[in-house]
Amino acid sequence: MTLRFYDTASAEVRDFVPLEQGKASVYYCGATVQGMPHVGHVRSAIAFDQLTRWLEFRGLRVTVVRNVTDIDDKILAKSEQSFGPDWAAEPTARKDEEWWALAYRYEQEFENAYESLGVQRPTYEPRATGHIPEMHALIQRLIDRGHAYPALDDSGDVYFDVRSWSKYGSLTRQNIDDMQGAPDADPRGKRDARDFALWKGYKDGEPVTAKWESPWGAGRPGWHLECSAMVTKYLGTRFDIHGGGLDLRFPHHENEMAQSQAAGDEFANFWMHNGMVTYEGEKMSKSIGNTVSPAEMLELASPRVVRYYLGQAHYRSVLDYRPTSLQEAAAAVERIDGFIAKAAAKVGQQVGEPTSYTEGAQAAMPTAFVAAMDDDLNVPQALGVLHETVRAGNTALAAGDLGAVKDALSSVHAMTNVLGLDSVKRPEAVQSREHAALEILVEAQLEARAAARANKDWAASDAIRDTLAAAGVVVEDGAEGATWSLKRD
């Protein structure tokens, strides 16, 4: 099956044909490092990590660029707050922290979150502050082409003239007259309130370290300009995929596309956007107290479980968090890892030996899994194949068919590897041979319990369940039989 991805710009699933044979170029928006990472940031990183891994599995050499926005109005505001009486308003705040120190500190928090959850490092991770000359050059090209102008109020701002670009609004299918004004600068210096800032002139009271000289006066770059300058530096004026969260489509990606194409660059061939994370159907919001952070998730479950949870939905769909979500993900991961432990013990492999892309993974990968992933990264369907393979492997274990066990184990390793689960360290309890022994003993008890239930010997069935519960084993009955997990403290 041909690789196919949904393209936001054309609003259709299209065949993916790399611009350069054997290679793929991917840019996705990273963090504006003004605070701790939230779950939406991490979900986006995992989605594009899955994309990268799948492109690599399909034989492409992938160049990935993920930017760091380390200069922004929000960063400056957070820094300014640290010098005031309310500096401790946020739990992670530090007193008298310069904007560049704050940005770097939070950048490291993002890196730690990505690493904890097995997100591969990008090929390049440029910072906005390191690419000011490229931004100046892009602004000048836009001015020369008649698509940008210095502010009319001598503020030192430079704006993109949205009405000069007839395709403005095409990414999000909006009519320019229906749009609100861009809130990034005082509209008095604009020809149209919707024009957005490419360069922001320095204002009295701002940190002198947050300004750079330019042909239009000292100042700093606008948010949208930064990504356009960085992506073309590392991937060229035409590249395969531009990605990010759904919330970035407008105004950020709309403005990126407009300024880049107006400057003469073809820019992205595909636009891919991942969906949001909600809390019991509602948008997460600090003001109503229904947020959950990656750090809080990692206190409740292992990194492998959190990775599974955040990566289990289709990347374009909403991922809804509920108090039981991580428990459900943990049960699914335990079924996978339980089979791996038992099968590895039977066939003499070390637990945690993933099959790499070059060590038989192509042959071991089920065709149904490949078809699902080729079809716009249909991870839910791919996970269905993974769990079906686990069930078949457990059946082979019960039958003593070691050939089938080994085949299933190879397939499970290939699938968990390409989904990035094997990039997250397993808990030692799962890796141990003791866990494999426990699995065999519990499964034997469950088989005895199933036989008792079949004979309507409810007393024997209840006694087995009570014995397991006393040992900290939770048994749940379902349509496909009983499953078990270890009781959590």
Protein backbone atom coordinates (compact mmCIF):
# COMPACT_ATOMS: atom_id res chain seq x y z
CA MET A 1 0.00 0.00 0.00
CA THR A 2 1.17 3.54 -0.77
CA LEU A 3 1.89 5.87 2.12
CA ARG A 4 -1.00 8.29 2.48
CA PHE A 5 -1.35 11.26 4.85
CA TYR A 6 -4.05 13.86 5.46
CA ASP A 7 -2.97 17.26 4.15
CA THR A 8 -4.61 20.15 5.99
CA ALA A 9 -4.01 22.52 3.06
CA SER A 10 -5.95 20.40 0.56
CA ALA A 11 -8.29 18.86 3.17
CA GLU A 12 -7.79 15.36 1.77
CA VAL A 13 -5.76 12.24 2.29
CA ARG A 14 -3.08 12.22 -0.40
CA ASP A 15 -0.39 9.82 -1.55
CA PHE A 16 2.91 10.74 0.02
CA VAL A 17 5.68 10.89 -2.57
CA PRO A 18 8.92 12.33 -1.15
CA LEU A 19 10.28 15.35 -2.99
CA GLU A 20 13.68 13.64 -3.04
CA GLN A 21 13.78 9.92 -3.63
CA GLY A 22 14.81 7.93 -0.55
CA LYS A 23 14.60 10.94 1.78
CA ALA A 24 11.96 12.80 3.75
CA SER A 25 12.11 16.25 5.36
CA VAL A 26 9.92 17.05 8.36
CA TYR A 27 9.56 20.26 10.36
CA TYR A 28 7.26 20.46 13.36
CA CYS A 29 6.76 23.33 15.75
CA GLY A 30 8.46 22.88 19.08
CA ALA A 31 8.02 24.77 22.30
CA THR A 32 7.75 28.42 23.16
CA VAL A 33 9.78 28.00 26.33
CA GLN A 34 7.86 30.29 28.67
CA GLY A 35 6.71 27.60 31.12
CA MET A 36 6.64 23.92 31.96
CA PRO A 37 5.62 21.51 29.18
CA HIS A 38 1.94 20.59 29.13
CA VAL A 39 0.39 17.39 27.88
CA GLY A 40 -0.51 18.91 24.50
CA HIS A 41 3.16 19.65 23.78
CA VAL A 42 4.14 16.08 24.54
CA ARG A 43 1.29 14.53 22.59
CA SER A 44 2.38 16.50 19.52
CA ALA A 45 6.00 15.40 19.93
CA ILE A 46 4.95 11.75 20.25
CA ALA A 47 2.72 11.99 17.15
CA PHE A 48 5.54 13.32 15.00
CA ASP A 49 7.96 10.87 16.57
CA GLN A 50 5.65 8.07 15.41
CA LEU A 51 5.57 9.64 11.95
CA THR A 52 9.36 9.83 11.84
CA ARG A 53 9.79 6.24 12.94
CA TRP A 54 7.30 5.03 10.36
CA LEU A 55 8.98 6.94 7.53
CA GLU A 56 12.29 5.42 8.61
CA PHE A 57 10.77 1.96 8.72
CA ARG A 58 9.51 2.49 5.16
CA GLY A 59 13.10 3.00 4.09
CA LEU A 60 13.43 6.79 4.03
CA ARG A 61 16.29 8.79 5.48
CA VAL A 62 14.45 11.40 7.50
CA THR A 63 15.70 14.86 8.42
CA VAL A 64 13.66 16.28 11.30
CA VAL A 65 13.75 19.88 12.48
CA ARG A 66 11.97 20.99 15.65
CA ASN A 67 12.42 24.61 16.65
CA VAL A 68 12.72 26.29 20.03
CA THR A 69 11.06 29.69 20.33
CA ASP A 70 13.30 31.30 22.94
CA ILE A 71 12.31 34.94 22.41
CA ASP A 72 8.65 35.91 22.67
CA ASP A 73 6.36 38.39 24.42
CA LYS A 74 5.23 35.70 26.91
CA ILE A 75 8.82 34.87 27.83
CA LEU A 76 9.60 38.54 28.45
CA ALA A 77 6.43 38.94 30.52
CA LYS A 78 7.29 35.92 32.70
CA SER A 79 10.79 37.27 33.25
CA GLU A 80 9.47 40.74 34.13
CA GLN A 81 7.10 39.20 36.66
CA SER A 82 10.05 37.50 38.40
CA PHE A 83 11.45 40.96 39.26
CA GLY A 84 8.20 42.07 40.92
CA PRO A 85 6.45 41.36 44.22
CA ASP A 86 4.36 38.57 42.68
CA TRP A 87 7.37 36.64 41.42
CA ALA A 88 6.25 33.42 43.20
CA ALA A 89 2.82 33.30 41.53
CA GLU A 90 3.75 30.05 39.74
CA PRO A 91 5.21 26.95 41.46
CA THR A 92 8.33 26.81 39.27
CA ALA A 93 9.05 30.55 39.29
CA ARG A 94 12.48 31.92 40.26
CA LYS A 95 13.13 35.37 41.60
CA ASP A 96 14.91 37.95 39.40
CA GLU A 97 15.34 35.59 36.46
CA GLU A 98 16.51 37.13 33.17
CA TRP A 99 14.44 36.20 30.14
CA TRP A 100 17.21 34.19 28.51
CA ALA A 101 17.83 32.21 31.71
CA LEU A 102 14.13 31.49 32.08
CA ALA A 103 13.90 30.35 28.46
CA TYR A 104 16.89 28.05 28.79
CA ARG A 105 15.62 26.53 32.04
CA TYR A 106 12.26 25.66 30.53
CA GLU A 107 13.91 24.41 27.35
CA GLN A 108 15.67 21.80 29.49
CA GLU A 109 12.35 20.81 31.06
CA PHE A 110 10.98 20.13 27.59
CA GLU A 111 14.04 18.09 26.66
CA ASN A 112 13.65 16.04 29.84
CA ALA A 113 9.98 15.36 29.10
CA TYR A 114 10.73 14.31 25.52
CA GLU A 115 13.56 12.03 26.63
CA SER A 116 11.50 10.45 29.42
CA LEU A 117 8.84 9.43 26.91
CA GLY A 118 11.14 8.13 24.21
CA VAL A 119 10.83 10.98 21.71
CA GLN A 120 13.86 10.84 19.43
CA ARG A 121 16.00 13.94 19.23
CA PRO A 122 15.46 15.83 15.98
CA THR A 123 18.24 16.08 13.43
CA TYR A 124 18.43 19.81 14.17
CA GLU A 125 16.81 21.84 16.95
CA PRO A 126 17.44 25.51 16.15
CA ARG A 127 16.70 28.38 18.52
CA ALA A 128 15.05 31.51 17.20
CA THR A 129 17.69 33.79 18.74
CA GLY A 130 20.38 32.10 16.66
CA HIS A 131 18.77 33.00 13.31
CA ILE A 132 18.23 36.77 13.36
CA PRO A 133 20.20 37.40 10.09
CA GLU A 134 18.03 34.89 8.23
CA MET A 135 14.94 36.67 9.54
CA HIS A 136 16.23 40.05 8.37
CA ALA A 137 16.82 38.62 4.90
CA LEU A 138 13.29 37.20 4.72
CA ILE A 139 11.75 40.50 5.80
CA GLN A 140 13.71 42.37 3.13
CA ARG A 141 12.54 39.93 0.44
CA LEU A 142 8.94 40.53 1.48
CA ILE A 143 9.39 44.32 1.43
CA ASP A 144 11.02 44.14 -2.01
CA ARG A 145 8.11 42.09 -3.33
CA GLY A 146 5.53 44.51 -1.94
CA HIS A 147 4.18 42.20 0.76
CA ALA A 148 5.60 43.94 3.85
CA TYR A 149 6.09 47.50 5.07
CA PRO A 150 7.62 49.42 8.00
CA ALA A 151 5.05 50.62 10.53
CA LEU A 152 3.30 53.88 9.76
CA ASP A 153 3.88 55.21 13.31
CA ASP A 154 7.71 55.05 13.36
CA SER A 155 7.61 52.37 16.07
CA GLY A 156 10.22 50.26 14.28
CA ASP A 157 7.70 47.47 13.65
CA VAL A 158 7.49 45.80 10.23
CA TYR A 159 4.21 44.18 9.14
CA PHE A 160 3.09 41.64 6.58
CA ASP A 161 0.41 43.13 4.34
CA VAL A 162 -2.23 40.39 4.34
CA ARG A 163 -4.30 41.99 1.56
CA SER A 164 -1.29 41.95 -0.74
CA TRP A 165 -1.39 38.13 -0.76
CA SER A 166 -4.51 36.83 -2.47
CA LYS A 167 -4.16 33.35 -0.94
CA TYR A 168 -4.19 34.59 2.64
CA GLY A 169 -6.62 32.43 4.62
CA SER A 170 -6.37 29.44 2.29
CA LEU A 171 -4.86 27.04 4.84
CA THR A 172 -7.78 27.47 7.24
CA ARG A 173 -10.36 28.35 4.55
CA GLN A 174 -11.25 31.75 5.99
CA ASN A 175 -12.33 34.93 4.32
CA ILE A 176 -10.01 37.76 5.29
CA ASP A 177 -12.94 40.11 6.00
CA ASP A 178 -14.25 37.68 8.61
CA MET A 179 -10.98 37.61 10.56
CA GLN A 180 -10.26 39.56 13.70
CA GLY A 181 -7.30 41.90 13.94
CA ALA A 182 -3.88 40.47 14.77
CA PRO A 183 -3.27 41.20 18.49
CA ASP A 184 0.53 41.23 18.23
CA ALA A 185 1.06 45.02 18.04
CA ASP A 186 -0.76 48.35 18.29
CA PRO A 187 -2.98 48.57 15.18
CA ARG A 188 -2.32 52.29 14.74
CA GLY A 189 0.86 51.52 12.81
CA LYS A 190 -0.86 49.05 10.45
CA ARG A 191 -2.54 49.48 7.11
CA ASP A 192 -5.02 46.79 8.15
CA ALA A 193 -5.65 45.54 11.68
CA ARG A 194 -5.16 41.98 10.40
CA ASP A 195 -1.58 42.65 9.28
CA PHE A 196 0.82 40.76 11.53
CA ALA A 197 4.23 41.69 12.88
CA LEU A 198 7.40 40.44 11.20
CA TRP A 199 9.64 42.64 13.34
CA LYS A 200 8.81 44.33 16.65
CA GLY A 201 10.54 47.59 17.41
CA TYR A 202 12.23 48.00 20.79
CA LYS A 203 10.19 49.85 23.41
CA ASP A 204 11.38 51.72 26.50
CA GLY A 205 11.43 49.50 29.55
CA GLU A 206 12.09 46.26 27.68
CA PRO A 207 15.32 44.38 28.43
CA VAL A 208 18.19 45.73 26.36
CA THR A 209 19.35 42.12 25.93
CA ALA A 210 16.11 41.34 24.06
CA LYS A 211 16.82 43.56 21.07
CA TRP A 212 18.87 43.20 17.90
CA GLU A 213 19.86 45.87 15.42
CA SER A 214 18.08 45.77 12.05
CA PRO A 215 17.63 47.99 8.96
CA TRP A 216 14.30 49.11 10.47
CA GLY A 217 15.58 49.82 13.96
CA ALA A 218 16.44 47.81 17.05
CA GLY A 219 13.92 45.16 18.02
CA ARG A 220 13.12 41.46 17.94
CA PRO A 221 11.42 39.06 15.51
CA GLY A 222 7.72 38.31 15.30
CA TRP A 223 6.66 34.78 16.25
CA HIS A 224 5.51 33.65 12.81
CA LEU A 225 8.61 34.89 11.04
CA GLU A 226 10.90 32.76 13.18
CA CYS A 227 9.68 29.39 11.90
CA SER A 228 9.74 30.41 8.23
CA ALA A 229 13.36 31.53 8.50
CA MET A 230 14.51 28.46 10.40
CA VAL A 231 12.78 25.77 8.36
CA THR A 232 14.07 27.07 5.02
CA LYS A 233 17.61 27.32 6.39
CA TYR A 234 17.69 23.63 7.31
CA LEU A 235 15.25 22.03 4.86
CA GLY A 236 15.26 24.42 1.91
CA THR A 237 12.52 26.46 0.26
CA ARG A 238 10.50 23.32 -0.49
CA PHE A 239 10.22 20.39 1.90
CA ASP A 240 7.94 17.43 2.54
CA ILE A 241 5.99 17.94 5.79
CA HIS A 242 5.23 20.80 8.16
CA GLY A 243 3.50 19.74 11.37
CA GLY A 244 2.24 20.93 14.70
CA GLY A 245 -0.76 21.02 17.00
CA LEU A 246 -4.21 21.80 15.64
CA ASP A 247 -4.24 25.03 17.66
CA LEU A 248 -1.34 26.34 15.54
CA ARG A 249 -3.25 26.29 12.24
CA PHE A 250 -4.37 29.88 12.78
CA PRO A 251 -2.81 32.29 13.01
CA HIS A 252 0.65 30.72 13.23
CA HIS A 253 0.70 28.31 10.31
CA GLU A 254 -1.56 30.45 8.16
CA ASN A 255 0.89 33.32 8.59
CA GLU A 256 3.92 31.11 8.07
CA MET A 257 2.56 29.81 4.79
CA ALA A 258 1.53 33.24 3.58
CA GLN A 259 4.84 35.01 4.30
CA SER A 260 6.95 32.15 2.93
CA GLN A 261 5.01 31.74 -0.29
CA ALA A 262 4.76 35.51 -0.74
CA ALA A 263 8.57 35.62 -0.49
CA GLY A 264 8.78 33.12 -3.37
CA ASP A 265 9.24 29.85 -1.47
CA GLU A 266 7.07 26.83 -2.33
CA PHE A 267 7.33 25.79 1.32
CA ALA A 268 5.59 22.65 2.69
CA ASN A 269 4.22 19.93 0.43
CA PHE A 270 2.07 18.53 3.28
CA TRP A 271 0.62 20.19 6.38
CA MET A 272 -0.12 17.73 9.21
CA HIS A 273 -1.79 18.65 12.50
CA ASN A 274 -2.36 16.58 15.61
CA GLY A 275 -5.51 16.87 17.72
CA MET A 276 -5.90 18.33 21.19
CA VAL A 277 -6.02 16.65 24.61
CA THR A 278 -9.18 17.21 26.66
CA TYR A 279 -10.16 16.37 30.25
CA GLU A 280 -13.38 14.37 30.41
CA GLY A 281 -14.61 16.04 27.24
CA GLU A 282 -13.71 19.58 28.28
CA LYS A 283 -10.85 21.78 27.14
CA MET A 284 -8.03 21.74 29.69
CA SER A 285 -7.76 25.06 31.50
CA LYS A 286 -5.78 26.17 34.54
CA SER A 287 -8.59 28.57 35.45
CA ILE A 288 -11.06 25.72 36.07
CA GLY A 289 -8.45 23.32 37.43
CA ASN A 290 -8.86 20.44 34.99
CA THR A 291 -5.31 20.20 33.71
CA VAL A 292 -2.90 17.31 34.00
CA SER A 293 0.78 17.70 33.19
CA PRO A 294 3.26 15.15 31.83
CA ALA A 295 5.02 15.26 35.21
CA GLU A 296 1.77 14.41 36.99
CA MET A 297 1.15 11.53 34.58
CA LEU A 298 4.64 10.20 35.23
CA GLU A 299 3.88 10.19 38.96
CA LEU A 300 0.85 7.99 38.29
CA ALA A 301 2.33 5.57 35.76
CA SER A 302 5.58 4.44 34.17
CA PRO A 303 6.96 6.33 31.15
CA ARG A 304 6.12 3.32 28.96
CA VAL A 305 2.46 3.51 30.02
CA VAL A 306 2.30 7.29 29.55
CA ARG A 307 3.87 6.94 26.09
CA TYR A 308 1.29 4.28 25.20
CA TYR A 309 -1.58 6.44 26.41
CA LEU A 310 -0.49 9.63 24.63
CA GLY A 311 0.22 7.77 21.40
CA GLN A 312 -2.75 5.41 21.25
CA ALA A 313 -5.33 7.62 19.50
CA HIS A 314 -5.28 8.62 15.84
CA TYR A 315 -3.03 11.66 15.68
CA ARG A 316 -5.79 13.84 14.16
CA SER A 317 -8.40 12.93 16.76
CA VAL A 318 -9.06 14.42 20.18
CA LEU A 319 -7.43 12.45 22.99
CA ASP A 320 -9.66 12.57 26.06
CA TYR A 321 -8.07 12.12 29.48
CA ARG A 322 -10.09 10.56 32.30
CA PRO A 323 -8.97 9.51 35.79
CA THR A 324 -8.96 5.86 34.63
CA SER A 325 -7.07 6.49 31.39
CA LEU A 326 -3.62 5.57 32.67
CA GLN A 327 -4.96 2.48 34.44
CA GLU A 328 -6.44 1.27 31.16
CA ALA A 329 -3.19 2.01 29.34
CA ALA A 330 -1.25 0.19 32.07
CA ALA A 331 -3.42 -2.91 31.63
CA ALA A 332 -2.77 -2.87 27.87
CA VAL A 333 0.99 -2.46 28.34
CA GLU A 334 1.06 -5.21 30.95
CA ARG A 335 -0.63 -7.61 28.51
CA ILE A 336 2.01 -6.80 25.89
CA ASP A 337 4.94 -6.99 28.27
CA GLY A 338 3.58 -10.05 30.00
CA PHE A 339 3.57 -11.93 26.71
CA ILE A 340 7.05 -10.67 25.86
CA ALA A 341 8.38 -11.87 29.23
CA LYS A 342 6.76 -15.31 28.97
CA ALA A 343 7.68 -15.81 25.33
CA ALA A 344 11.26 -14.65 25.84
CA ALA A 345 11.64 -17.10 28.71
CA LYS A 346 10.32 -19.93 26.51
CA VAL A 347 12.48 -19.25 23.45
CA GLY A 348 15.59 -18.14 25.30
CA GLN A 349 15.65 -14.43 24.40
CA GLN A 350 16.51 -11.58 26.71
CA VAL A 351 13.49 -9.42 27.50
CA GLY A 352 13.88 -6.00 25.94
CA GLU A 353 15.72 -7.09 22.79
CA PRO A 354 13.84 -5.03 20.19
CA THR A 355 14.02 -5.98 16.54
CA SER A 356 15.66 -3.06 14.74
CA TYR A 357 14.60 -1.86 11.32
CA THR A 358 17.52 -3.74 9.77
CA GLU A 359 17.27 -6.98 11.76
CA GLY A 360 14.29 -8.71 10.26
CA ALA A 361 11.66 -6.15 11.22
CA GLN A 362 10.40 -5.89 7.65
CA ALA A 363 9.78 -9.64 7.52
CA ALA A 364 8.36 -9.79 11.06
CA MET A 365 5.94 -6.88 10.67
CA PRO A 366 2.34 -8.07 10.07
CA THR A 367 0.91 -6.85 6.76
CA ALA A 368 -2.22 -5.58 8.54
CA PHE A 369 -0.06 -3.39 10.78
CA VAL A 370 1.78 -1.99 7.75
CA ALA A 371 -1.52 -1.26 5.98
CA ALA A 372 -2.85 0.58 9.04
CA MET A 373 0.24 2.75 9.47
CA ASP A 374 0.47 3.49 5.75
CA ASP A 375 -3.12 4.75 5.91
CA ASP A 376 -2.52 8.15 7.54
CA LEU A 377 -0.80 6.63 10.59
CA ASN A 378 -3.85 4.74 11.82
CA VAL A 379 -2.31 3.85 15.17
CA PRO A 380 -5.57 2.60 16.79
CA GLN A 381 -5.95 0.01 14.04
CA ALA A 382 -2.24 -0.83 14.27
CA LEU A 383 -2.58 -1.38 18.03
CA GLY A 384 -5.44 -3.74 17.31
CA VAL A 385 -3.04 -5.81 15.22
CA LEU A 386 -0.46 -5.69 18.02
CA HIS A 387 -2.93 -6.96 20.63
CA GLU A 388 -4.27 -9.64 18.30
CA THR A 389 -0.68 -10.85 17.81
CA VAL A 390 -0.23 -10.93 21.59
CA ARG A 391 -3.41 -13.02 21.94
CA ALA A 392 -2.23 -15.41 19.24
CA GLY A 393 1.15 -15.65 20.94
CA ASN A 394 -0.46 -16.52 24.27
CA THR A 395 -2.50 -19.20 22.53
CA ALA A 396 0.70 -20.61 21.04
CA LEU A 397 2.31 -20.57 24.49
CA ALA A 398 -0.60 -22.53 25.94
CA ALA A 399 -0.33 -25.05 23.08
CA GLY A 400 3.44 -25.37 23.41
CA ASP A 401 3.97 -24.28 19.77
CA LEU A 402 7.39 -22.65 20.20
CA GLY A 403 7.75 -21.85 16.49
CA ALA A 404 4.57 -19.79 16.57
CA VAL A 405 5.64 -18.23 19.87
CA LYS A 406 8.95 -17.09 18.37
CA ASP A 407 7.21 -15.65 15.28
CA ALA A 408 4.71 -13.77 17.44
CA LEU A 409 7.48 -12.44 19.67
CA SER A 410 9.42 -11.14 16.66
CA SER A 411 6.28 -9.44 15.33
CA VAL A 412 5.45 -7.87 18.70
CA HIS A 413 9.01 -6.56 19.03
CA ALA A 414 8.86 -5.08 15.52
CA MET A 415 5.57 -3.30 16.26
CA THR A 416 6.45 -1.97 19.72
CA ASN A 417 9.78 -0.75 18.36
CA VAL A 418 8.31 1.23 15.48
CA LEU A 419 5.66 2.72 17.81
CA GLY A 420 8.46 3.98 20.04
CA LEU A 421 7.46 1.87 23.06
CA ASP A 422 10.84 0.14 23.11
CA SER A 423 12.57 3.51 23.34
CA VAL A 424 11.07 3.88 26.83
CA LYS A 425 12.75 1.85 29.54
CA ARG A 426 10.65 -0.97 30.93
CA PRO A 427 10.26 -1.15 34.70
CA GLU A 428 12.69 -3.67 36.14
CA ALA A 429 9.80 -5.77 37.43
CA VAL A 430 8.56 -6.26 33.90
CA GLN A 431 12.03 -7.06 32.58
CA SER A 432 12.75 -9.73 35.16
CA ARG A 433 12.42 -13.47 34.79
CA GLU A 434 10.58 -13.34 38.12
CA HIS A 435 7.77 -11.49 36.36
CA ALA A 436 7.65 -14.19 33.69
CA ALA A 437 7.34 -16.82 36.42
CA LEU A 438 4.58 -14.82 38.11
CA GLU A 439 2.75 -14.55 34.81
CA ILE A 440 2.80 -18.33 34.31
CA LEU A 441 1.58 -18.99 37.86
CA VAL A 442 -1.25 -16.44 37.68
CA GLU A 443 -2.36 -17.68 34.26
CA ALA A 444 -2.50 -21.22 35.67
CA GLN A 445 -4.74 -19.98 38.49
CA LEU A 446 -6.97 -18.16 35.99
CA GLU A 447 -7.28 -21.32 33.91
CA ALA A 448 -8.32 -23.25 37.05
CA ARG A 449 -10.80 -20.49 37.86
CA ALA A 450 -12.23 -20.62 34.33
CA ALA A 451 -12.70 -24.37 34.65
CA ALA A 452 -14.46 -23.90 38.00
CA ARG A 453 -16.77 -21.29 36.48
CA ALA A 454 -17.53 -23.57 33.55
CA ASN A 455 -18.57 -26.25 36.09
CA LYS A 456 -20.57 -23.64 38.02
CA ASP A 457 -18.36 -24.22 41.06
CA TRP A 458 -18.68 -20.63 42.21
CA ALA A 459 -17.12 -21.30 45.61
CA ALA A 460 -13.89 -22.57 44.03
CA SER A 461 -13.93 -19.69 41.54
CA ASP A 462 -14.32 -17.11 44.30
CA ALA A 463 -11.64 -18.78 46.41
CA ILE A 464 -9.10 -18.51 43.58
CA ARG A 465 -9.99 -14.87 43.01
CA ASP A 466 -9.68 -14.10 46.74
CA THR A 467 -6.29 -15.83 46.92
CA LEU A 468 -5.01 -13.78 43.98
CA ALA A 469 -6.42 -10.58 45.49
CA ALA A 470 -4.63 -11.31 48.77
CA ALA A 471 -1.40 -11.59 46.76
CA GLY A 472 -2.04 -8.18 45.17
CA VAL A 473 -3.34 -9.49 41.84
CA VAL A 474 -6.46 -7.76 40.51
CA VAL A 475 -8.63 -9.92 38.23
CA GLU A 476 -11.09 -8.36 35.79
CA ASP A 477 -13.61 -10.39 33.78
CA GLY A 478 -14.33 -9.31 30.22
CA ALA A 479 -15.88 -10.52 26.99
CA GLU A 480 -12.60 -12.16 26.00
CA GLY A 481 -11.99 -13.77 29.38
CA ALA A 482 -10.24 -12.75 32.57
CA THR A 483 -7.27 -10.36 32.62
CA TRP A 484 -5.07 -9.48 35.55
CA SER A 485 -2.83 -6.71 36.80
CA LEU A 486 -0.86 -5.96 39.92
CA LYS A 487 -2.64 -3.79 42.47
CA ARG A 488 -1.22 -0.27 42.60
CA ASP A 489 -0.45 1.43 45.89
